[in-house]
PDB file of N, CA and C in Angstrom:
ATOM      1  N   UNK A   1      -5.384 -19.839 -10.957  1.00  0.00           N
ATOM      2  CA  UNK A   1      -4.250 -18.981 -10.726  1.00  0.00           C
ATOM      3  C   UNK A   1      -4.646 -17.527 -10.671  1.00  0.00           C
ATOM      4  N   UNK A   2      -4.237 -16.854  -9.694  1.00  0.00           N
ATOM      5  CA  UNK A   2      -4.709 -15.178  -9.741  1.00  0.00           C
ATOM      6  C   UNK A   2      -4.284 -14.559 -11.063  1.00  0.00           C
ATOM      7  N   UNK A   3      -5.025 -13.709 -11.538  1.00  0.00           N
ATOM      8  CA  UNK A   3      -4.658 -12.931 -12.570  1.00  0.00           C
ATOM      9  C   UNK A   3      -3.826 -11.843 -12.236  1.00  0.00           C
ATOM     10  N   UNK A   4      -2.757 -11.530 -13.174  1.00  0.00           N
ATOM     11  CA  UNK A   4      -1.803 -10.406 -12.806  1.00  0.00           C
ATOM     12  C   UNK A   4      -2.238  -9.225 -12.185  1.00  0.00           C
ATOM     13  N   UNK A   5      -3.353  -8.612 -12.772  1.00  0.00           N
ATOM     14  CA  UNK A   5      -3.926  -7.433 -12.189  1.00  0.00           C
ATOM     15  C   UNK A   5      -4.395  -7.563 -10.999  1.00  0.00           C
ATOM     16  N   UNK A   6      -5.143  -8.883 -10.635  1.00  0.00           N
ATOM     17  CA  UNK A   6      -5.791  -9.013  -9.111  1.00  0.00           C
ATOM     18  C   UNK A   6      -4.477  -8.972  -8.152  1.00  0.00           C
ATOM     19  N   UNK A   7      -3.288  -9.658  -8.601  1.00  0.00           N
ATOM     20  CA  UNK A   7      -2.191  -9.699  -7.771  1.00  0.00           C
ATOM     21  C   UNK A   7      -1.469  -8.190  -7.517  1.00  0.00           C
ATOM     22  N   UNK A   8      -1.424  -7.442  -8.703  1.00  0.00           N
ATOM     23  CA  UNK A   8      -1.226  -6.132  -8.404  1.00  0.00           C
ATOM     24  C   UNK A   8      -1.905  -5.077  -7.599  1.00  0.00           C
ATOM     25  N   UNK A   9      -3.182  -5.465  -7.728  1.00  0.00           N
ATOM     26  CA  UNK A   9      -4.225  -4.532  -6.976  1.00  0.00           C
ATOM     27  C   UNK A   9      -4.099  -5.139  -5.369  1.00  0.00           C
ATOM     28  N   UNK A  10      -3.887  -6.330  -5.435  1.00  0.00           N
ATOM     29  CA  UNK A  10      -3.743  -6.840  -4.008  1.00  0.00           C
ATOM     30  C   UNK A  10      -2.423  -6.355  -2.986  1.00  0.00           C
ATOM     31  N   UNK A  11      -1.295  -6.293  -4.076  1.00  0.00           N
ATOM     32  CA  UNK A  11      -0.127  -5.944  -3.406  1.00  0.00           C
ATOM     33  C   UNK A  11      -0.369  -4.424  -3.076  1.00  0.00           C
ATOM     34  N   UNK A  12      -0.862  -3.684  -4.039  1.00  0.00           N
ATOM     35  CA  UNK A  12      -1.042  -2.269  -3.717  1.00  0.00           C
ATOM     36  C   UNK A  12      -1.871  -1.957  -2.458  1.00  0.00           C
ATOM     37  N   UNK A  13      -3.036  -2.933  -2.255  1.00  0.00           N
ATOM     38  CA  UNK A  13      -3.658  -2.688  -0.948  1.00  0.00           C
ATOM     39  C   UNK A  13      -2.694  -2.976   0.122  1.00  0.00           C
ATOM     40  N   UNK A  14      -1.942  -3.887   0.164  1.00  0.00           N
ATOM     41  CA  UNK A  14      -0.998  -4.419   1.224  1.00  0.00           C
ATOM     42  C   UNK A  14      -0.038  -2.888   1.430  1.00  0.00           C
ATOM     43  N   UNK A  15       0.628  -2.471   0.235  1.00  0.00           N
ATOM     44  CA  UNK A  15       1.376  -1.347   0.546  1.00  0.00           C
ATOM     45  C   UNK A  15       0.696  -0.278   1.167  1.00  0.00           C
ATOM     46  N   UNK A  16      -0.486   0.066   0.704  1.00  0.00           N
ATOM     47  CA  UNK A  16      -1.250   1.102   1.308  1.00  0.00           C
ATOM     48  C   UNK A  16      -1.556   0.982   2.596  1.00  0.00           C
ATOM     49  N   UNK A  17      -1.888  -0.157   3.002  1.00  0.00           N
ATOM     50  CA  UNK A  17      -1.969  -0.471   4.462  1.00  0.00           C
ATOM     51  C   UNK A  17      -0.566  -0.446   5.319  1.00  0.00           C
ATOM     52  N   UNK A  18       0.452  -0.727   4.815  1.00  0.00           N
ATOM     53  CA  UNK A  18       1.733  -0.564   5.486  1.00  0.00           C
ATOM     54  C   UNK A  18       1.915   0.784   5.744  1.00  0.00           C
ATOM     55  N   UNK A  19       1.590   1.736   4.520  1.00  0.00           N
ATOM     56  CA  UNK A  19       2.011   3.078   4.646  1.00  0.00           C
ATOM     57  C   UNK A  19       1.190   3.731   5.665  1.00  0.00           C
ATOM     58  N   UNK A  20       0.071   3.280   5.762  1.00  0.00           N
ATOM     59  CA  UNK A  20      -0.896   3.801   6.961  1.00  0.00           C
ATOM     60  C   UNK A  20      -0.507   3.352   8.143  1.00  0.00           C
ATOM     61  N   UNK A  21       0.258   2.167   8.369  1.00  0.00           N
ATOM     62  CA  UNK A  21       0.312   1.477   9.590  1.00  0.00           C
ATOM     63  C   UNK A  21      -0.693   0.943  10.137  1.00  0.00           C
ATOM     64  N   UNK A  22      -1.758   0.590   9.480  1.00  0.00           N
ATOM     65  CA  UNK A  22      -2.985  -0.267  10.058  1.00  0.00           C
ATOM     66  C   UNK A  22      -2.777  -1.851   9.776  1.00  0.00           C
ATOM     67  N   UNK A  23      -3.459  -2.655  10.515  1.00  0.00           N
ATOM     68  CA  UNK A  23      -3.686  -4.118  10.318  1.00  0.00           C
ATOM     69  C   UNK A  23      -4.628  -4.427   9.444  1.00  0.00           C
ATOM     70  N   UNK A  24      -4.863  -5.683   9.160  1.00  0.00           N
ATOM     71  CA  UNK A  24      -5.547  -6.190   8.099  1.00  0.00           C
ATOM     72  C   UNK A  24      -7.101  -6.193   8.966  1.00  0.00           C
ATOM     73  N   UNK A  25      -6.943  -6.284  10.195  1.00  0.00           N
ATOM     74  CA  UNK A  25      -8.343  -6.066  10.866  1.00  0.00           C
ATOM     75  C   UNK A  25      -8.766  -4.717  10.807  1.00  0.00           C
ATOM     76  N   UNK A  26      -8.011  -3.778  11.144  1.00  0.00           N
ATOM     77  CA  UNK A  26      -8.430  -2.505  11.171  1.00  0.00           C
ATOM     78  C   UNK A  26      -8.934  -2.077   9.651  1.00  0.00           C
ATOM     79  N   UNK A  27      -8.401  -2.556   8.720  1.00  0.00           N
ATOM     80  CA  UNK A  27      -8.618  -2.233   7.355  1.00  0.00           C
ATOM     81  C   UNK A  27     -10.072  -2.931   7.053  1.00  0.00           C
ATOM     82  N   UNK A  28     -10.072  -4.050   7.370  1.00  0.00           N
ATOM     83  CA  UNK A  28     -11.300  -4.725   7.111  1.00  0.00           C
ATOM     84  C   UNK A  28     -12.570  -4.032   7.963  1.00  0.00           C
ATOM     85  N   UNK A  29     -12.363  -3.582   9.226  1.00  0.00           N
ATOM     86  CA  UNK A  29     -13.400  -2.976   9.838  1.00  0.00           C
ATOM     87  C   UNK A  29     -13.670  -1.704   9.151  1.00  0.00           C
ATOM     88  N   UNK A  30     -12.738  -0.814   8.624  1.00  0.00           N
ATOM     89  CA  UNK A  30     -12.982   0.327   7.808  1.00  0.00           C
ATOM     90  C   UNK A  30     -13.651   0.079   6.607  1.00  0.00           C
ATOM     91  N   UNK A  31     -13.345  -0.877   5.929  1.00  0.00           N
ATOM     92  CA  UNK A  31     -13.826  -1.170   4.576  1.00  0.00           C
ATOM     93  C   UNK A  31     -15.184  -2.125   4.629  1.00  0.00           C
ATOM     94  N   UNK A  32     -15.575  -2.639   5.831  1.00  0.00           N
ATOM     95  CA  UNK A  32     -16.955  -3.329   5.809  1.00  0.00           C
ATOM     96  C   UNK A  32     -16.682  -4.716   5.595  1.00  0.00           C
ATOM     97  N   UNK A  33     -15.515  -5.349   5.781  1.00  0.00           N
ATOM     98  CA  UNK A  33     -15.386  -6.773   5.696  1.00  0.00           C
ATOM     99  C   UNK A  33     -14.411  -7.164   6.629  1.00  0.00           C
ATOM    100  N   UNK A  34     -14.205  -8.605   6.709  1.00  0.00           N
ATOM    101  CA  UNK A  34     -13.461  -9.405   7.684  1.00  0.00           C
ATOM    102  C   UNK A  34     -11.968  -9.184   7.344  1.00  0.00           C
ATOM    103  N   UNK A  35     -11.136  -9.430   8.369  1.00  0.00           N
ATOM    104  CA  UNK A  35      -9.435  -9.255   7.792  1.00  0.00           C
ATOM    105  C   UNK A  35      -9.279 -10.550   6.922  1.00  0.00           C
ATOM    106  N   UNK A  36      -9.993 -11.686   7.047  1.00  0.00           N
ATOM    107  CA  UNK A  36      -9.664 -12.771   6.235  1.00  0.00           C
ATOM    108  C   UNK A  36      -9.719 -12.298   4.729  1.00  0.00           C
ATOM    109  N   UNK A  37     -10.805 -11.535   4.402  1.00  0.00           N
ATOM    110  CA  UNK A  37     -11.203 -11.084   3.024  1.00  0.00           C
ATOM    111  C   UNK A  37      -9.942 -10.187   2.674  1.00  0.00           C
ATOM    112  N   UNK A  38      -9.532  -9.380   3.564  1.00  0.00           N
ATOM    113  CA  UNK A  38      -8.335  -8.328   3.123  1.00  0.00           C
ATOM    114  C   UNK A  38      -7.221  -9.310   2.799  1.00  0.00           C
ATOM    115  N   UNK A  39      -6.807 -10.354   3.490  1.00  0.00           N
ATOM    116  CA  UNK A  39      -5.781 -11.354   3.259  1.00  0.00           C
ATOM    117  C   UNK A  39      -6.073 -11.815   1.862  1.00  0.00           C
ATOM    118  N   UNK A  40      -6.967 -12.271   1.566  1.00  0.00           N
ATOM    119  CA  UNK A  40      -7.536 -12.704   0.267  1.00  0.00           C
ATOM    120  C   UNK A  40      -7.133 -11.820  -0.868  1.00  0.00           C
ATOM    121  N   UNK A  41      -7.636 -10.452  -0.550  1.00  0.00           N
ATOM    122  CA  UNK A  41      -7.349  -9.341  -1.564  1.00  0.00           C
ATOM    123  C   UNK A  41      -5.958  -9.319  -1.772  1.00  0.00           C
ATOM    124  N   UNK A  42      -5.084  -9.192  -0.716  1.00  0.00           N
ATOM    125  CA  UNK A  42      -3.635  -8.873  -0.873  1.00  0.00           C
ATOM    126  C   UNK A  42      -2.784  -9.874  -1.524  1.00  0.00           C
ATOM    127  N   UNK A  43      -3.271 -11.126  -1.437  1.00  0.00           N
ATOM    128  CA  UNK A  43      -2.475 -12.433  -2.057  1.00  0.00           C
ATOM    129  C   UNK A  43      -3.158 -12.270  -3.545  1.00  0.00           C
ATOM    130  N   UNK A  44      -4.234 -11.828  -3.803  1.00  0.00           N
ATOM    131  CA  UNK A  44      -4.737 -11.934  -5.209  1.00  0.00           C
ATOM    132  C   UNK A  44      -5.654 -13.264  -5.216  1.00  0.00           C
ATOM    133  N   UNK A  45      -5.861 -13.916  -4.118  1.00  0.00           N
ATOM    134  CA  UNK A  45      -6.682 -15.048  -4.209  1.00  0.00           C
ATOM    135  C   UNK A  45      -8.267 -14.799  -4.430  1.00  0.00           C
ATOM    136  N   UNK A  46      -8.548 -13.417  -4.112  1.00  0.00           N
ATOM    137  CA  UNK A  46      -9.948 -13.036  -4.505  1.00  0.00           C
ATOM    138  C   UNK A  46      -9.746 -11.640  -5.150  1.00  0.00           C
ATOM    139  N   UNK A  47     -10.700 -11.598  -5.941  1.00  0.00           N
ATOM    140  CA  UNK A  47     -10.912 -10.448  -6.780  1.00  0.00           C
ATOM    141  C   UNK A  47     -11.728  -9.332  -5.848  1.00  0.00           C
ATOM    142  N   UNK A  48     -11.228  -8.141  -5.960  1.00  0.00           N
ATOM    143  CA  UNK A  48     -11.815  -6.979  -5.355  1.00  0.00           C
ATOM    144  C   UNK A  48     -12.780  -6.376  -6.222  1.00  0.00           C
ATOM    145  N   UNK A  49     -14.213  -6.263  -5.614  1.00  0.00           N
ATOM    146  CA  UNK A  49     -15.329  -5.670  -6.609  1.00  0.00           C
ATOM    147  C   UNK A  49     -14.833  -4.326  -6.829  1.00  0.00           C
ATOM    148  N   UNK A  50     -15.363  -3.476  -7.494  1.00  0.00           N
ATOM    149  CA  UNK A  50     -15.233  -2.011  -7.636  1.00  0.00           C
ATOM    150  C   UNK A  50     -15.590  -1.269  -6.314  1.00  0.00           C
ATOM    151  N   UNK A  51     -17.010  -1.692  -5.903  1.00  0.00           N
ATOM    152  CA  UNK A  51     -17.511  -0.924  -4.524  1.00  0.00           C
ATOM    153  C   UNK A  51     -16.586  -1.317  -3.387  1.00  0.00           C
ATOM    154  N   UNK A  52     -15.996  -2.455  -3.191  1.00  0.00           N
ATOM    155  CA  UNK A  52     -15.133  -2.713  -2.083  1.00  0.00           C
ATOM    156  C   UNK A  52     -13.943  -2.170  -2.298  1.00  0.00           C
ATOM    157  N   UNK A  53     -13.137  -1.929  -3.441  1.00  0.00           N
ATOM    158  CA  UNK A  53     -11.921  -1.222  -3.813  1.00  0.00           C
ATOM    159  C   UNK A  53     -12.090   0.371  -3.432  1.00  0.00           C
ATOM    160  N   UNK A  54     -13.448   0.787  -3.719  1.00  0.00           N
ATOM    161  CA  UNK A  54     -13.769   2.138  -3.385  1.00  0.00           C
ATOM    162  C   UNK A  54     -13.688   2.365  -1.842  1.00  0.00           C
ATOM    163  N   UNK A  55     -14.355   1.419  -1.168  1.00  0.00           N
ATOM    164  CA  UNK A  55     -14.430   1.504   0.198  1.00  0.00           C
ATOM    165  C   UNK A  55     -12.698   1.269   0.990  1.00  0.00           C
ATOM    166  N   UNK A  56     -12.137   0.475   0.283  1.00  0.00           N
ATOM    167  CA  UNK A  56     -10.615   0.420   0.757  1.00  0.00           C
ATOM    168  C   UNK A  56      -9.766   1.575   0.395  1.00  0.00           C
ATOM    169  N   UNK A  57     -10.097   2.244  -0.656  1.00  0.00           N
ATOM    170  CA  UNK A  57      -9.464   3.307  -1.174  1.00  0.00           C
ATOM    171  C   UNK A  57      -9.685   4.560  -0.056  1.00  0.00           C
ATOM    172  N   UNK A  58     -11.121   4.548   0.296  1.00  0.00           N
ATOM    173  CA  UNK A  58     -11.491   5.635   1.319  1.00  0.00           C
ATOM    174  C   UNK A  58     -10.970   5.303   2.702  1.00  0.00           C
ATOM    175  N   UNK A  59     -10.962   4.215   3.058  1.00  0.00           N
ATOM    176  CA  UNK A  59     -10.298   3.751   4.379  1.00  0.00           C
ATOM    177  C   UNK A  59      -8.824   4.174   4.523  1.00  0.00           C
ATOM    178  N   UNK A  60      -8.238   3.917   3.517  1.00  0.00           N
ATOM    179  CA  UNK A  60      -6.795   4.194   3.419  1.00  0.00           C
ATOM    180  C   UNK A  60      -6.307   5.697   2.830  1.00  0.00           C
ATOM    181  N   UNK A  61      -7.447   6.505   2.663  1.00  0.00           N
ATOM    182  CA  UNK A  61      -7.273   7.688   2.172  1.00  0.00           C
ATOM    183  C   UNK A  61      -6.530   7.758   0.808  1.00  0.00           C
ATOM    184  N   UNK A  62      -6.601   7.080  -0.128  1.00  0.00           N
ATOM    185  CA  UNK A  62      -5.874   7.011  -1.313  1.00  0.00           C
ATOM    186  C   UNK A  62      -7.001   7.026  -2.445  1.00  0.00           C
ATOM    187  N   UNK A  63      -6.410   7.561  -3.519  1.00  0.00           N
ATOM    188  CA  UNK A  63      -7.092   7.587  -4.966  1.00  0.00           C
ATOM    189  C   UNK A  63      -7.376   6.217  -5.361  1.00  0.00           C
ATOM    190  N   UNK A  64      -8.609   5.670  -5.946  1.00  0.00           N
ATOM    191  CA  UNK A  64      -8.686   4.387  -6.533  1.00  0.00           C
ATOM    192  C   UNK A  64      -7.708   4.196  -7.614  1.00  0.00           C
ATOM    193  N   UNK A  65      -7.198   5.074  -8.326  1.00  0.00           N
ATOM    194  CA  UNK A  65      -5.997   4.827  -9.284  1.00  0.00           C
ATOM    195  C   UNK A  65      -4.785   4.407  -8.720  1.00  0.00           C
ATOM    196  N   UNK A  66      -4.677   4.578  -7.458  1.00  0.00           N
ATOM    197  CA  UNK A  66      -3.298   4.011  -6.770  1.00  0.00           C
ATOM    198  C   UNK A  66      -3.353   2.837  -6.913  1.00  0.00           C
ATOM    199  N   UNK A  67      -4.267   1.930  -7.035  1.00  0.00           N
ATOM    200  CA  UNK A  67      -4.258   0.401  -6.943  1.00  0.00           C
ATOM    201  C   UNK A  67      -3.859   0.072  -8.333  1.00  0.00           C
ATOM    202  N   UNK A  68      -4.137   0.792  -9.289  1.00  0.00           N
ATOM    203  CA  UNK A  68      -3.733   0.382 -10.719  1.00  0.00           C
ATOM    204  C   UNK A  68      -2.566   0.986 -11.387  1.00  0.00           C
ATOM    205  N   UNK A  69      -1.908   1.763 -10.647  1.00  0.00           N
ATOM    206  CA  UNK A  69      -0.731   2.500 -11.215  1.00  0.00           C
ATOM    207  C   UNK A  69       0.331   1.395 -11.688  1.00  0.00           C
ATOM    208  N   UNK A  70       0.797   1.689 -12.730  1.00  0.00           N
ATOM    209  CA  UNK A  70       1.812   0.558 -13.266  1.00  0.00           C
ATOM    210  C   UNK A  70       1.156  -0.788 -13.688  1.00  0.00           C
ATOM    211  N   UNK A  71      -0.244  -0.735 -13.774  1.00  0.00           N
ATOM    212  CA  UNK A  71      -0.770  -1.660 -14.368  1.00  0.00           C
ATOM    213  C   UNK A  71      -0.474  -2.317 -15.594  1.00  0.00           C
ATOM    214  N   UNK A  72       0.196  -1.464 -16.538  1.00  0.00           N
ATOM    215  CA  UNK A  72       0.646  -2.067 -17.845  1.00  0.00           C
ATOM    216  C   UNK A  72       1.744  -3.036 -17.505  1.00  0.00           C
ATOM    217  N   UNK A  73       2.395  -3.013 -16.304  1.00  0.00           N
ATOM    218  CA  UNK A  73       3.633  -3.944 -16.255  1.00  0.00           C
ATOM    219  C   UNK A  73       2.927  -5.224 -15.292  1.00  0.00           C
ATOM    220  N   UNK A  74       1.670  -5.097 -15.340  1.00  0.00           N
ATOM    221  CA  UNK A  74       1.266  -6.281 -14.452  1.00  0.00           C
ATOM    222  C   UNK A  74       1.559  -7.666 -14.529  1.00  0.00           C
ATOM    223  N   UNK A  75       1.750  -7.954 -16.015  1.00  0.00           N
ATOM    224  CA  UNK A  75       2.141  -9.312 -16.406  1.00  0.00           C
ATOM    225  C   UNK A  75       3.477  -9.654 -16.117  1.00  0.00           C
ATOM    226  N   UNK A  76       4.019  -8.549 -15.873  1.00  0.00           N
ATOM    227  CA  UNK A  76       5.806  -9.045 -15.499  1.00  0.00           C
ATOM    228  C   UNK A  76       6.143  -8.452 -14.118  1.00  0.00           C
ATOM    229  N   UNK A  77       5.378  -7.624 -13.495  1.00  0.00           N
ATOM    230  CA  UNK A  77       5.624  -7.174 -12.078  1.00  0.00           C
ATOM    231  C   UNK A  77       4.427  -7.141 -11.443  1.00  0.00           C
ATOM    232  N   UNK A  78       4.035  -8.072 -10.536  1.00  0.00           N
ATOM    233  CA  UNK A  78       2.714  -7.882  -9.620  1.00  0.00           C
ATOM    234  C   UNK A  78       3.223  -7.844  -8.081  1.00  0.00           C
ATOM    235  N   UNK A  79       4.461  -7.555  -7.911  1.00  0.00           N
ATOM    236  CA  UNK A  79       4.881  -7.315  -6.459  1.00  0.00           C
ATOM    237  C   UNK A  79       4.816  -5.887  -5.989  1.00  0.00           C
ATOM    238  N   UNK A  80       4.843  -5.692  -4.911  1.00  0.00           N
ATOM    239  CA  UNK A  80       4.665  -4.295  -4.292  1.00  0.00           C
ATOM    240  C   UNK A  80       5.859  -3.537  -5.051  1.00  0.00           C
ATOM    241  N   UNK A  81       5.446  -2.195  -5.189  1.00  0.00           N
ATOM    242  CA  UNK A  81       6.647  -1.268  -5.728  1.00  0.00           C
ATOM    243  C   UNK A  81       7.620  -1.043  -4.714  1.00  0.00           C
ATOM    244  N   UNK A  82       7.094  -0.993  -3.384  1.00  0.00           N
ATOM    245  CA  UNK A  82       8.104  -0.880  -2.352  1.00  0.00           C
ATOM    246  C   UNK A  82       8.011  -2.057  -1.364  1.00  0.00           C
ATOM    247  N   UNK A  83       9.001  -2.427  -0.678  1.00  0.00           N
ATOM    248  CA  UNK A  83       9.114  -3.489   0.212  1.00  0.00           C
ATOM    249  C   UNK A  83       8.594  -2.840   1.684  1.00  0.00           C
ATOM    250  N   UNK A  84       8.248  -3.856   2.477  1.00  0.00           N
ATOM    251  CA  UNK A  84       7.895  -3.441   3.990  1.00  0.00           C
ATOM    252  C   UNK A  84       8.728  -2.479   4.619  1.00  0.00           C
ATOM    253  N   UNK A  85      10.031  -2.930   4.783  1.00  0.00           N
ATOM    254  CA  UNK A  85      11.150  -1.844   5.204  1.00  0.00           C
ATOM    255  C   UNK A  85      11.124  -0.363   4.884  1.00  0.00           C
ATOM    256  N   UNK A  86      11.050  -0.259   3.616  1.00  0.00           N
ATOM    257  CA  UNK A  86      10.679   1.013   2.895  1.00  0.00           C
ATOM    258  C   UNK A  86       9.685   1.678   3.277  1.00  0.00           C
ATOM    259  N   UNK A  87       8.377   0.809   3.274  1.00  0.00           N
ATOM    260  CA  UNK A  87       7.174   1.622   3.760  1.00  0.00           C
ATOM    261  C   UNK A  87       7.231   1.953   5.251  1.00  0.00           C
ATOM    262  N   UNK A  88       8.009   1.261   6.172  1.00  0.00           N
ATOM    263  CA  UNK A  88       8.116   1.612   7.609  1.00  0.00           C
ATOM    264  C   UNK A  88       9.001   2.777   7.483  1.00  0.00           C
ATOM    265  N   UNK A  89      10.025   2.927   6.652  1.00  0.00           N
ATOM    266  CA  UNK A  89      10.967   4.005   6.883  1.00  0.00           C
ATOM    267  C   UNK A  89      10.114   5.189   6.492  1.00  0.00           C
ATOM    268  N   UNK A  90       9.315   4.986   5.318  1.00  0.00           N
ATOM    269  CA  UNK A  90       8.429   6.164   4.717  1.00  0.00           C
ATOM    270  C   UNK A  90       7.564   6.769   5.958  1.00  0.00           C
ATOM    271  N   UNK A  91       6.764   5.633   6.390  1.00  0.00           N
ATOM    272  CA  UNK A  91       5.828   5.973   7.609  1.00  0.00           C
ATOM    273  C   UNK A  91       6.618   6.844   8.735  1.00  0.00           C
ATOM    274  N   UNK A  92       7.632   6.196   9.102  1.00  0.00           N
ATOM    275  CA  UNK A  92       8.444   7.042   9.964  1.00  0.00           C
ATOM    276  C   UNK A  92       8.799   8.343   9.932  1.00  0.00           C
ATOM    277  N   UNK A  93       9.171   8.680   8.651  1.00  0.00           N
ATOM    278  CA  UNK A  93       9.666   9.856   8.120  1.00  0.00           C
ATOM    279  C   UNK A  93       8.369  10.877   8.120  1.00  0.00           C
ATOM    280  N   UNK A  94       7.305  10.229   7.654  1.00  0.00           N
ATOM    281  CA  UNK A  94       5.899  11.043   7.461  1.00  0.00           C
ATOM    282  C   UNK A  94       5.617  11.373   8.989  1.00  0.00           C
ATOM    283  N   UNK A  95       5.890  10.818  10.081  1.00  0.00           N
ATOM    284  CA  UNK A  95       5.453  10.936  11.414  1.00  0.00           C
ATOM    285  C   UNK A  95       6.251  12.224  12.038  1.00  0.00           C
ATOM    286  N   UNK A  96       7.440  12.549  11.194  1.00  0.00           N
ATOM    287  CA  UNK A  96       8.429  13.490  11.883  1.00  0.00           C
ATOM    288  C   UNK A  96       7.601  14.938  11.587  1.00  0.00           C
ATOM    289  N   UNK A  97       7.770  15.714  12.736  1.00  0.00           N
ATOM    290  CA  UNK A  97       7.153  16.934  12.457  1.00  0.00           C
ATOM    291  C   UNK A  97       7.725  17.678  11.385  1.00  0.00           C
ATOM    292  N   UNK A  98       6.909  18.603  10.744  1.00  0.00           N
ATOM    293  CA  UNK A  98       7.152  19.140   9.491  1.00  0.00           C
ATOM    294  C   UNK A  98       8.377  19.946   9.623  1.00  0.00           C
ATOM    295  N   UNK A  99       8.657  20.854  10.708  1.00  0.00           N
ATOM    296  CA  UNK A  99       9.847  21.612  10.971  1.00  0.00           C
ATOM    297  C   UNK A  99      11.030  20.763  11.104  1.00  0.00           C
ATOM    298  N   UNK A 100      11.039  19.426  11.325  1.00  0.00           N
ATOM    299  CA  UNK A 100      12.147  18.750  11.514  1.00  0.00           C
ATOM    300  C   UNK A 100      12.482  17.805  10.194  1.00  0.00           C
ATOM    301  N   UNK A 101      11.284  17.593   9.377  1.00  0.00           N
ATOM    302  CA  UNK A 101      11.395  16.676   8.143  1.00  0.00           C
ATOM    303  C   UNK A 101      12.680  17.070   7.240  1.00  0.00           C
ATOM    304  N   UNK A 102      12.782  18.417   7.019  1.00  0.00           N
ATOM    305  CA  UNK A 102      14.083  18.935   6.112  1.00  0.00           C
ATOM    306  C   UNK A 102      15.127  18.424   6.638  1.00  0.00           C
ATOM    307  N   UNK A 103      15.346  18.466   8.082  1.00  0.00           N
ATOM    308  CA  UNK A 103      16.751  18.108   8.661  1.00  0.00           C
ATOM    309  C   UNK A 103      16.961  16.510   8.391  1.00  0.00           C
ATOM    310  N   UNK A 104      15.947  15.947   8.579  1.00  0.00           N
ATOM    311  CA  UNK A 104      16.075  14.447   8.176  1.00  0.00           C
ATOM    312  C   UNK A 104      16.512  14.004   6.836  1.00  0.00           C
ATOM    313  N   UNK A 105      15.780  14.649   5.994  1.00  0.00           N
ATOM    314  CA  UNK A 105      16.124  14.540   4.530  1.00  0.00           C
ATOM    315  C   UNK A 105      17.551  14.983   4.392  1.00  0.00           C
ATOM    316  N   UNK A 106      18.195  16.059   4.811  1.00  0.00           N
ATOM    317  CA  UNK A 106      19.461  16.252   4.628  1.00  0.00           C
ATOM    318  C   UNK A 106      20.396  15.341   5.345  1.00  0.00           C
ATOM    319  N   UNK A 107      20.028  14.732   6.340  1.00  0.00           N
ATOM    320  CA  UNK A 107      20.921  13.722   6.840  1.00  0.00           C
ATOM    321  C   UNK A 107      20.999  12.506   6.067  1.00  0.00           C
ATOM    322  N   UNK A 108      19.883  12.148   5.656  1.00  0.00           N
ATOM    323  CA  UNK A 108      19.790  10.710   4.776  1.00  0.00           C
ATOM    324  C   UNK A 108      20.636  11.165   3.445  1.00  0.00           C
ATOM    325  N   UNK A 109      20.349  12.465   2.927  1.00  0.00           N
ATOM    326  CA  UNK A 109      21.131  12.717   1.875  1.00  0.00           C
ATOM    327  C   UNK A 109      22.710  12.769   2.113  1.00  0.00           C
ATOM    328  N   UNK A 110      23.175  13.162   3.175  1.00  0.00           N
ATOM    329  CA  UNK A 110      24.530  13.162   3.567  1.00  0.00           C
ATOM    330  C   UNK A 110      24.995  11.711   3.627  1.00  0.00           C
ATOM    331  N   UNK A 111      24.261  10.805   3.821  1.00  0.00           N
ATOM    332  CA  UNK A 111      24.431   9.368   4.162  1.00  0.00           C
ATOM    333  C   UNK A 111      25.050   8.707   2.531  1.00  0.00           C
ATOM    334  N   UNK A 112      24.370   9.293   1.716  1.00  0.00           N
ATOM    335  CA  UNK A 112      24.409   8.750   0.354  1.00  0.00           C
ATOM    336  C   UNK A 112      25.765   9.352  -0.452  1.00  0.00           C
ATOM    337  N   UNK A 113      26.844   8.360  -0.618  1.00  0.00           N
ATOM    338  CA  UNK A 113      27.950   8.694  -1.153  1.00  0.00           C
ATOM    339  C   UNK A 113      27.836   9.164  -2.759  1.00  0.00           C
ATOM    340  N   UNK A 114      26.827   8.931  -3.345  1.00  0.00           N
ATOM    341  CA  UNK A 114      26.623   9.276  -4.870  1.00  0.00           C
ATOM    342  C   UNK A 114      26.465  10.781  -4.826  1.00  0.00           C
TER     343      UNK A 114
END
C-alpha cells in the first residue's frame, strides 16, 4: 500500500502536469524516464527518488517544494489540491493575454453572487 506522502507527491506531479498541459509521455521525455514510470509516480505506486523529483520539477518549471506543500495533511488528504476541470480552467486563463486577463477576472467575479 502506498505511503500517504508518496500519494501526495504523485498527485502533485499529476496536478503540475495538468497545469502545464503536457502528457505523461512529454513529462517522461523531459524528465528522462518512460511515461509508464510517470503513471506509477502519479498513483503513488512507485516512490520518486530525489534526483528524479528534481528532474520532474525542472521539466514542469516548479520548485521541488511544490510537491510537498500541505504534506502535514498527507495522512488525511492525498488527493490533488485542485481537480482536472479547475486545472484546465486555470491553464486557459493563463493563456489569455495579460492585457485581457483583468477583464476575464472581472467577468468571473460578476458571475459570483456572493
